[in-house]
C-alpha atoms as a PDB file:
ATOM      1  CA  MET A   1      -6.799 -26.379 -31.950  1.00  0.00           C
ATOM      2  CA  THR A   2      -3.091 -25.769 -31.337  1.00  0.00           C
ATOM      3  CA  ASP A   3      -1.628 -22.598 -32.840  1.00  0.00           C
ATOM      4  CA  SER A   4       1.436 -23.201 -34.928  1.00  0.00           C
ATOM      5  CA  ASN A   5       3.991 -21.271 -36.967  1.00  0.00           C
ATOM      6  CA  PRO A   6       5.591 -22.486 -40.215  1.00  0.00           C
ATOM      7  CA  SER A   7       9.278 -23.329 -40.090  1.00  0.00           C
ATOM      8  CA  LEU A   8      11.917 -24.934 -42.282  1.00  0.00           C
ATOM      9  CA  TYR A   9      10.877 -28.351 -40.969  1.00  0.00           C
ATOM     10  CA  GLY A  10       7.127 -27.853 -41.220  1.00  0.00           C
ATOM     11  CA  GLU A  11       4.583 -26.783 -38.659  1.00  0.00           C
ATOM     12  CA  GLN A  12       5.935 -26.313 -35.128  1.00  0.00           C
ATOM     13  CA  PRO A  13       3.611 -25.956 -32.130  1.00  0.00           C
ATOM     14  CA  GLN A  14       3.647 -22.486 -30.582  1.00  0.00           C
ATOM     15  CA  ALA A  15       4.393 -22.295 -26.872  1.00  0.00           C
ATOM     16  CA  PRO A  16       1.283 -21.256 -24.916  1.00  0.00           C
ATOM     17  CA  ASN A  17       1.272 -17.837 -23.302  1.00  0.00           C
ATOM     18  CA  PRO A  18       2.264 -18.002 -19.615  1.00  0.00           C
ATOM     19  CA  LYS A  19      -0.649 -17.802 -17.202  1.00  0.00           C
ATOM     20  CA  ALA A  20      -0.651 -14.960 -14.679  1.00  0.00           C
ATOM     21  CA  PRO A  21      -0.705 -16.007 -10.996  1.00  0.00           C
ATOM     22  CA  GLY A  22      -4.173 -15.838  -9.431  1.00  0.00           C
ATOM     23  CA  LEU A  23      -5.085 -14.037  -6.223  1.00  0.00           C
ATOM     24  CA  MET A  24      -4.337 -16.937  -3.875  1.00  0.00           C
ATOM     25  CA  ASP A  25      -1.061 -17.626  -5.705  1.00  0.00           C
ATOM     26  CA  GLN A  26      -0.082 -14.003  -5.152  1.00  0.00           C
ATOM     27  CA  ILE A  27      -1.087 -13.899  -1.482  1.00  0.00           C
ATOM     28  CA  VAL A  28       0.703 -17.158  -0.695  1.00  0.00           C
ATOM     29  CA  GLY A  29       3.647 -16.264  -2.916  1.00  0.00           C
ATOM     30  CA  VAL A  30       4.540 -12.963  -1.236  1.00  0.00           C
ATOM     31  CA  PHE A  31       4.920 -14.836   2.073  1.00  0.00           C
ATOM     32  CA  THR A  32       6.536 -18.053   0.849  1.00  0.00           C
ATOM     33  CA  GLU A  33       8.297 -17.667  -2.518  1.00  0.00           C
ATOM     34  CA  PRO A  34       8.341 -14.011  -3.555  1.00  0.00           C
ATOM     35  CA  SER A  35      11.205 -14.440  -6.035  1.00  0.00           C
ATOM     36  CA  VAL A  36       9.358 -17.217  -7.857  1.00  0.00           C
ATOM     37  CA  LEU A  37       6.132 -15.179  -7.843  1.00  0.00           C
ATOM     38  CA  PHE A  38       7.844 -12.093  -9.226  1.00  0.00           C
ATOM     39  CA  GLU A  39       9.533 -14.099 -11.992  1.00  0.00           C
ATOM     40  CA  LYS A  40       6.075 -15.314 -13.038  1.00  0.00           C
ATOM     41  CA  LEU A  41       4.751 -11.754 -12.966  1.00  0.00           C
ATOM     42  CA  ASN A  42       7.614 -10.684 -15.232  1.00  0.00           C
ATOM     43  CA  ARG A  43       6.339 -13.117 -17.867  1.00  0.00           C
ATOM     44  CA  ALA A  44       2.631 -12.572 -17.175  1.00  0.00           C
ATOM     45  CA  PRO A  45       1.912  -9.304 -15.300  1.00  0.00           C
ATOM     46  CA  SER A  46      -1.148  -9.157 -13.052  1.00  0.00           C
ATOM     47  CA  TRP A  47      -2.257  -6.352 -10.766  1.00  0.00           C
ATOM     48  CA  GLY A  48      -6.071  -6.308 -10.741  1.00  0.00           C
ATOM     49  CA  TRP A  49      -6.493  -8.979  -8.058  1.00  0.00           C
ATOM     50  CA  ALA A  50      -4.005  -7.279  -5.752  1.00  0.00           C
ATOM     51  CA  ILE A  51      -5.444  -3.787  -6.067  1.00  0.00           C
ATOM     52  CA  GLY A  52      -8.948  -5.222  -5.693  1.00  0.00           C
ATOM     53  CA  ILE A  53      -8.307  -7.064  -2.423  1.00  0.00           C
ATOM     54  CA  LEU A  54      -6.245  -4.192  -0.988  1.00  0.00           C
ATOM     55  CA  THR A  55      -9.010  -1.707  -1.807  1.00  0.00           C
ATOM     56  CA  ALA A  56     -11.678  -3.985  -0.327  1.00  0.00           C
ATOM     57  CA  ALA A  57      -9.611  -4.497   2.828  1.00  0.00           C
ATOM     58  CA  GLY A  58      -9.097  -0.749   3.121  1.00  0.00           C
ATOM     59  CA  VAL A  59     -12.819  -0.070   2.822  1.00  0.00           C
ATOM     60  CA  VAL A  60     -13.718  -2.731   5.405  1.00  0.00           C
ATOM     61  CA  LEU A  61     -11.106  -1.422   7.830  1.00  0.00           C
ATOM     62  CA  THR A  62     -12.292   2.166   7.333  1.00  0.00           C
ATOM     63  CA  VAL A  63     -15.911   1.230   8.022  1.00  0.00           C
ATOM     64  CA  ILE A  64     -15.072  -0.796  11.140  1.00  0.00           C
ATOM     65  CA  TRP A  65     -12.810   1.949  12.490  1.00  0.00           C
ATOM     66  CA  GLY A  66     -15.306   4.699  11.589  1.00  0.00           C
ATOM     67  CA  LEU A  67     -18.058   2.961  13.551  1.00  0.00           C
ATOM     68  CA  LYS A  68     -15.907   2.665  16.681  1.00  0.00           C
ATOM     69  CA  VAL A  69     -13.783   5.830  16.794  1.00  0.00           C
ATOM     70  CA  ASP A  70     -14.671   8.684  19.143  1.00  0.00           C
ATOM     71  CA  VAL A  71     -14.442  11.614  16.733  1.00  0.00           C
ATOM     72  CA  ASP A  72     -14.617  14.186  19.534  1.00  0.00           C
ATOM     73  CA  GLU A  73     -11.702  12.607  21.399  1.00  0.00           C
ATOM     74  CA  MET A  74      -9.690  12.354  18.178  1.00  0.00           C
ATOM     75  CA  LEU A  75     -10.225  15.885  16.855  1.00  0.00           C
ATOM     76  CA  ARG A  76     -10.678  18.125  19.888  1.00  0.00           C
ATOM     77  CA  PRO A  77      -6.977  18.165  20.930  1.00  0.00           C
ATOM     78  CA  ILE A  78      -5.966  18.901  17.323  1.00  0.00           C
ATOM     79  CA  LEU A  79      -8.448  21.736  16.967  1.00  0.00           C
ATOM     80  CA  GLU A  80      -7.560  23.192  20.359  1.00  0.00           C
ATOM     81  CA  ARG A  81      -3.885  23.356  19.348  1.00  0.00           C
ATOM     82  CA  ASN A  82      -4.752  25.313  16.201  1.00  0.00           C
ATOM     83  CA  PRO A  83      -4.540  29.060  16.992  1.00  0.00           C
ATOM     84  CA  GLN A  84      -6.550  29.904  13.869  1.00  0.00           C
ATOM     85  CA  ILE A  85      -9.669  28.162  15.193  1.00  0.00           C
ATOM     86  CA  ALA A  86     -11.772  29.933  17.807  1.00  0.00           C
ATOM     87  CA  SER A  87     -12.907  27.842  20.743  1.00  0.00           C
ATOM     88  CA  ALA A  88     -16.533  28.588  19.889  1.00  0.00           C
ATOM     89  CA  GLN A  89     -16.085  26.912  16.523  1.00  0.00           C
ATOM     90  CA  ILE A  90     -14.684  23.629  17.798  1.00  0.00           C
ATOM     91  CA  ASP A  91     -17.964  21.913  18.688  1.00  0.00           C
ATOM     92  CA  THR A  92     -19.478  22.857  15.323  1.00  0.00           C
ATOM     93  CA  LEU A  93     -16.466  21.538  13.411  1.00  0.00           C
ATOM     94  CA  ILE A  94     -16.511  18.261  15.333  1.00  0.00           C
ATOM     95  CA  GLU A  95     -20.206  17.720  14.596  1.00  0.00           C
ATOM     96  CA  MET A  96     -19.554  18.321  10.911  1.00  0.00           C
ATOM     97  CA  GLN A  97     -16.660  15.853  10.915  1.00  0.00           C
ATOM     98  CA  LYS A  98     -18.816  13.197  12.543  1.00  0.00           C
ATOM     99  CA  LYS A  99     -21.081  13.306   9.485  1.00  0.00           C
ATOM    100  CA  PHE A 100     -18.333  13.205   6.876  1.00  0.00           C
ATOM    101  CA  ILE A 101     -15.593  11.055   8.390  1.00  0.00           C
ATOM    102  CA  MET A 102     -17.135   7.767   7.208  1.00  0.00           C
ATOM    103  CA  PRO A 103     -18.024   8.701   3.584  1.00  0.00           C
ATOM    104  CA  PHE A 104     -14.750  10.568   3.061  1.00  0.00           C
ATOM    105  CA  GLY A 105     -12.809   7.667   4.564  1.00  0.00           C
ATOM    106  CA  VAL A 106     -14.511   5.140   2.282  1.00  0.00           C
ATOM    107  CA  LEU A 107     -13.923   7.331  -0.785  1.00  0.00           C
ATOM    108  CA  GLY A 108     -10.280   7.666   0.217  1.00  0.00           C
ATOM    109  CA  ALA A 109      -9.920   3.896   0.516  1.00  0.00           C
ATOM    110  CA  LEU A 110     -11.688   3.313  -2.808  1.00  0.00           C
ATOM    111  CA  PHE A 111      -9.914   5.865  -4.959  1.00  0.00           C
ATOM    112  CA  GLY A 112      -6.796   6.668  -2.950  1.00  0.00           C
ATOM    113  CA  THR A 113      -5.474   3.101  -3.080  1.00  0.00           C
ATOM    114  CA  VAL A 114      -5.869   2.958  -6.858  1.00  0.00           C
ATOM    115  CA  ALA A 115      -4.442   6.443  -7.411  1.00  0.00           C
ATOM    116  CA  VAL A 116      -1.339   5.730  -5.319  1.00  0.00           C
ATOM    117  CA  ALA A 117      -0.756   2.448  -7.178  1.00  0.00           C
ATOM    118  CA  LEU A 118      -1.094   4.103 -10.587  1.00  0.00           C
ATOM    119  CA  LEU A 119       1.281   6.949  -9.681  1.00  0.00           C
ATOM    120  CA  ALA A 120       3.835   4.625  -8.074  1.00  0.00           C
ATOM    121  CA  ALA A 121       3.725   2.369 -11.136  1.00  0.00           C
ATOM    122  CA  LEU A 122       4.277   5.358 -13.425  1.00  0.00           C
ATOM    123  CA  PHE A 123       7.326   6.398 -11.401  1.00  0.00           C
ATOM    124  CA  TYR A 124       8.731   2.846 -11.392  1.00  0.00           C
ATOM    125  CA  TRP A 125       8.144   2.491 -15.129  1.00  0.00           C
ATOM    126  CA  LEU A 126       9.891   5.775 -15.968  1.00  0.00           C
ATOM    127  CA  VAL A 127      12.895   4.871 -13.804  1.00  0.00           C
ATOM    128  CA  ALA A 128      13.028   1.361 -15.274  1.00  0.00           C
ATOM    129  CA  LYS A 129      13.105   2.735 -18.826  1.00  0.00           C
ATOM    130  CA  GLY A 130      16.527   4.155 -18.053  1.00  0.00           C
ATOM    131  CA  ALA A 131      17.717   1.561 -15.536  1.00  0.00           C
ATOM    132  CA  SER A 132      16.663  -1.793 -16.964  1.00  0.00           C
ATOM    133  CA  GLU A 133      19.065  -4.713 -17.281  1.00  0.00           C
ATOM    134  CA  GLY A 134      17.069  -6.304 -20.103  1.00  0.00           C
ATOM    135  CA  GLU A 135      14.361  -5.370 -22.563  1.00  0.00           C
ATOM    136  CA  GLN A 136      12.241  -2.308 -21.912  1.00  0.00           C
ATOM    137  CA  PRO A 137       9.620  -3.053 -19.246  1.00  0.00           C
ATOM    138  CA  SER A 138       5.900  -2.498 -19.722  1.00  0.00           C
ATOM    139  CA  TYR A 139       3.614  -0.350 -17.600  1.00  0.00           C
ATOM    140  CA  LEU A 140       1.662  -3.498 -16.680  1.00  0.00           C
ATOM    141  CA  GLN A 141       4.845  -4.955 -15.197  1.00  0.00           C
ATOM    142  CA  ALA A 142       5.297  -1.731 -13.233  1.00  0.00           C
ATOM    143  CA  LEU A 143       1.714  -1.997 -11.957  1.00  0.00           C
ATOM    144  CA  SER A 144       2.434  -5.527 -10.772  1.00  0.00           C
ATOM    145  CA  ALA A 145       5.518  -4.307  -8.904  1.00  0.00           C
ATOM    146  CA  ALA A 146       3.541  -1.436  -7.354  1.00  0.00           C
ATOM    147  CA  THR A 147       0.656  -3.563  -6.060  1.00  0.00           C
ATOM    148  CA  VAL A 148       1.471  -7.230  -5.456  1.00  0.00           C
ATOM    149  CA  PRO A 149       4.178  -6.685  -2.770  1.00  0.00           C
ATOM    150  CA  SER A 150       1.643  -4.741  -0.685  1.00  0.00           C
ATOM    151  CA  LEU A 151      -0.386  -7.919  -0.211  1.00  0.00           C
ATOM    152  CA  VAL A 152       2.065  -8.649   2.601  1.00  0.00           C
ATOM    153  CA  ARG A 153       0.318  -5.894   4.591  1.00  0.00           C
ATOM    154  CA  LEU A 154      -3.027  -7.711   4.706  1.00  0.00           C
ATOM    155  CA  PRO A 155      -2.313  -9.316   8.134  1.00  0.00           C
ATOM    156  CA  SER A 156      -1.661  -5.866   9.608  1.00  0.00           C
ATOM    157  CA  MET A 157      -4.948  -4.538   8.231  1.00  0.00           C
ATOM    158  CA  LEU A 158      -6.791  -7.585   9.578  1.00  0.00           C
ATOM    159  CA  LEU A 159      -5.176  -7.153  12.993  1.00  0.00           C
ATOM    160  CA  ILE A 160      -6.225  -3.499  13.229  1.00  0.00           C
ATOM    161  CA  ALA A 161      -9.790  -4.379  12.213  1.00  0.00           C
ATOM    162  CA  LEU A 162      -9.965  -7.105  14.874  1.00  0.00           C
ATOM    163  CA  ILE A 163      -8.686  -4.738  17.561  1.00  0.00           C
ATOM    164  CA  CYS A 164     -11.338  -2.187  16.551  1.00  0.00           C
ATOM    165  CA  LEU A 165     -14.018  -4.862  16.857  1.00  0.00           C
ATOM    166  CA  LEU A 166     -12.864  -6.339  20.156  1.00  0.00           C
ATOM    167  CA  LYS A 167     -11.948  -3.326  22.301  1.00  0.00           C
ATOM    168  CA  PRO A 168     -12.661   0.396  22.733  1.00  0.00           C
ATOM    169  CA  ILE A 169     -10.302   2.544  20.669  1.00  0.00           C
ATOM    170  CA  GLY A 170     -11.274   6.023  21.848  1.00  0.00           C
ATOM    171  CA  GLY A 171      -9.965   8.646  19.457  1.00  0.00           C
ATOM    172  CA  LEU A 172      -7.082   6.583  18.069  1.00  0.00           C
ATOM    173  CA  THR A 173      -6.436   6.522  14.333  1.00  0.00           C
ATOM    174  CA  PRO A 174      -5.699   3.124  12.700  1.00  0.00           C
ATOM    175  CA  GLU A 175      -1.900   3.448  12.751  1.00  0.00           C
ATOM    176  CA  LYS A 176      -1.992   4.222  16.486  1.00  0.00           C
ATOM    177  CA  ILE A 177      -3.919   0.997  17.141  1.00  0.00           C
ATOM    178  CA  ASN A 178      -1.403  -1.178  15.328  1.00  0.00           C
ATOM    179  CA  PRO A 179       0.854  -3.119  17.769  1.00  0.00           C
ATOM    180  CA  THR A 180       3.326  -4.004  14.999  1.00  0.00           C
ATOM    181  CA  SER A 181       4.669  -0.432  14.769  1.00  0.00           C
ATOM    182  CA  LEU A 182       7.466   1.121  16.809  1.00  0.00           C
ATOM    183  CA  GLY A 183       5.306   4.140  17.602  1.00  0.00           C
ATOM    184  CA  TYR A 184       2.872   1.877  19.458  1.00  0.00           C
ATOM    185  CA  PHE A 185       5.561   1.174  22.083  1.00  0.00           C
ATOM    186  CA  VAL A 186       7.795   4.271  21.979  1.00  0.00           C
ATOM    187  CA  HIS A 187       6.130   7.580  22.837  1.00  0.00           C
ATOM    188  CA  VAL A 188       7.799  10.967  22.315  1.00  0.00           C
ATOM    189  CA  GLU A 189       6.468  14.489  22.802  1.00  0.00           C
ATOM    190  CA  ASN A 190       7.329  15.650  19.292  1.00  0.00           C
ATOM    191  CA  LEU A 191       4.284  14.808  17.137  1.00  0.00           C
ATOM    192  CA  LYS A 192       6.192  14.639  13.852  1.00  0.00           C
ATOM    193  CA  LEU A 193       8.861  12.348  15.301  1.00  0.00           C
ATOM    194  CA  HIS A 194       6.162  10.153  16.794  1.00  0.00           C
ATOM    195  CA  ALA A 195       4.510   9.942  13.356  1.00  0.00           C
ATOM    196  CA  LEU A 196       7.837   8.755  11.938  1.00  0.00           C
ATOM    197  CA  LEU A 197       7.973   6.037  14.579  1.00  0.00           C
ATOM    198  CA  TYR A 198       4.556   4.797  13.475  1.00  0.00           C
ATOM    199  CA  GLY A 199       6.072   4.424  10.002  1.00  0.00           C
ATOM    200  CA  VAL A 200       8.564   1.910  11.385  1.00  0.00           C
ATOM    201  CA  GLU A 201       6.094  -0.956  11.112  1.00  0.00           C
ATOM    202  CA  LEU A 202       6.834  -4.653  10.587  1.00  0.00           C
ATOM    203  CA  PHE A 203       4.605  -5.287   7.573  1.00  0.00           C
ATOM    204  CA  TYR A 204       5.434  -1.952   5.956  1.00  0.00           C
ATOM    205  CA  ILE A 205       9.136  -2.840   6.148  1.00  0.00           C
ATOM    206  CA  ALA A 206       8.310  -6.199   4.556  1.00  0.00           C
ATOM    207  CA  ASP A 207       6.426  -4.335   1.817  1.00  0.00           C
ATOM    208  CA  VAL A 208       9.459  -2.122   1.144  1.00  0.00           C
ATOM    209  CA  VAL A 209      11.813  -5.125   0.924  1.00  0.00           C
ATOM    210  CA  LEU A 210       9.432  -7.018  -1.355  1.00  0.00           C
ATOM    211  CA  THR A 211       8.981  -3.942  -3.559  1.00  0.00           C
ATOM    212  CA  TYR A 212      12.741  -3.778  -4.055  1.00  0.00           C
ATOM    213  CA  LEU A 213      12.755  -7.468  -4.990  1.00  0.00           C
ATOM    214  CA  ALA A 214       9.780  -6.969  -7.328  1.00  0.00           C
ATOM    215  CA  LEU A 215      11.522  -4.109  -9.117  1.00  0.00           C
ATOM    216  CA  ARG A 216      14.566  -6.314  -9.642  1.00  0.00           C
ATOM    217  CA  LYS A 217      12.629  -9.404 -10.765  1.00  0.00           C
ATOM    218  CA  ILE A 218       9.550  -8.028 -12.545  1.00  0.00           C
ATOM    219  CA  LEU A 219      11.041  -4.925 -14.174  1.00  0.00           C
ATOM    220  CA  ARG A 220      14.614  -6.252 -14.345  1.00  0.00           C
ATOM    221  CA  MET A 221      15.662  -2.939 -12.819  1.00  0.00           C
ATOM    222  CA  LYS A 222      19.287  -2.307 -11.938  1.00  0.00           C
ATOM    223  CA  THR A 223      20.173  -2.227  -8.244  1.00  0.00           C
ATOM    224  CA  GLY A 224      20.669   1.538  -8.162  1.00  0.00           C
ATOM    225  CA  GLY A 225      17.320   2.201  -9.820  1.00  0.00           C
ATOM    226  CA  ALA A 226      15.481  -0.162  -7.476  1.00  0.00           C
ATOM    227  CA  ILE A 227      17.057   1.462  -4.414  1.00  0.00           C
ATOM    228  CA  LEU A 228      16.138   4.923  -5.732  1.00  0.00           C
ATOM    229  CA  CYS A 229      12.513   3.848  -6.198  1.00  0.00           C
ATOM    230  CA  VAL A 230      12.062   2.406  -2.721  1.00  0.00           C
ATOM    231  CA  VAL A 231      13.859   5.322  -1.037  1.00  0.00           C
ATOM    232  CA  VAL A 232      11.632   7.863  -2.788  1.00  0.00           C
ATOM    233  CA  SER A 233       8.531   5.795  -1.956  1.00  0.00           C
ATOM    234  CA  VAL A 234       9.469   5.638   1.726  1.00  0.00           C
ATOM    235  CA  LEU A 235      10.254   9.355   1.882  1.00  0.00           C
ATOM    236  CA  VAL A 236       6.896  10.221   0.317  1.00  0.00           C
ATOM    237  CA  ALA A 237       4.862   7.820   2.489  1.00  0.00           C
ATOM    238  CA  VAL A 238       6.535   8.237   5.873  1.00  0.00           C
ATOM    239  CA  GLY A 239       7.646  11.817   5.343  1.00  0.00           C
ATOM    240  CA  GLY A 240       4.154  12.830   4.239  1.00  0.00           C
ATOM    241  CA  ARG A 241       2.707  11.281   7.406  1.00  0.00           C
ATOM    242  CA  ALA A 242       5.202  13.181   9.564  1.00  0.00           C
ATOM    243  CA  LEU A 243       4.532  16.500   7.828  1.00  0.00           C
ATOM    244  CA  GLY A 244       0.792  16.030   8.302  1.00  0.00           C
ATOM    245  CA  ALA A 245       1.067  15.166  12.003  1.00  0.00           C
ATOM    246  CA  ARG A 246      -0.793  17.647  14.233  1.00  0.00           C
END
């Protein structure tokens, strides 16, 4: 039965609600027609598929990496540089980390991905409320803008997983395995600067550009607001990695 609304000229058919793009539409769209995809998401927000596949990919990558990484080789130099840790404690700490690195990594992939998306969406939504060019955006639109652009990073995650499967990785963390980052090719002595170089990564840059476009198309955010959002996001992500480098 077709829904209809009364009008001066009788019953008029009501336009059907727009259908949200499915998972494959979103994956293909971010690589081929992001503007068209984001216009559709403005009319029919969708974020569950994106956060689901990104979380699943993160868990798979974590498990594959956790099975191959040499925890001793990864942690011993870090622990030896820490003056607060006695040398006699290092072996004990490494053995403890070997037991917990996999479960903690999986939990981080499961809940960390969702938590980051929810917080980023909240920030985007609050900025958009004061910097929107049209009607007030919804939080669901903000969630779409915070998750769907990151689908462009799936090839990078797949590449890292394949490298882990096909060759020894020693004590390298996932970002240090990735050949699409500047830090993979340029090595500097300063650990924090080197961490920044790992942040200069092809698919992460694509994610940042697509996020800007999503904020403009999905949330109808003004240019200044969209730039503010992506700058803050980059500072938090890349800056946090640099500050945590040891």
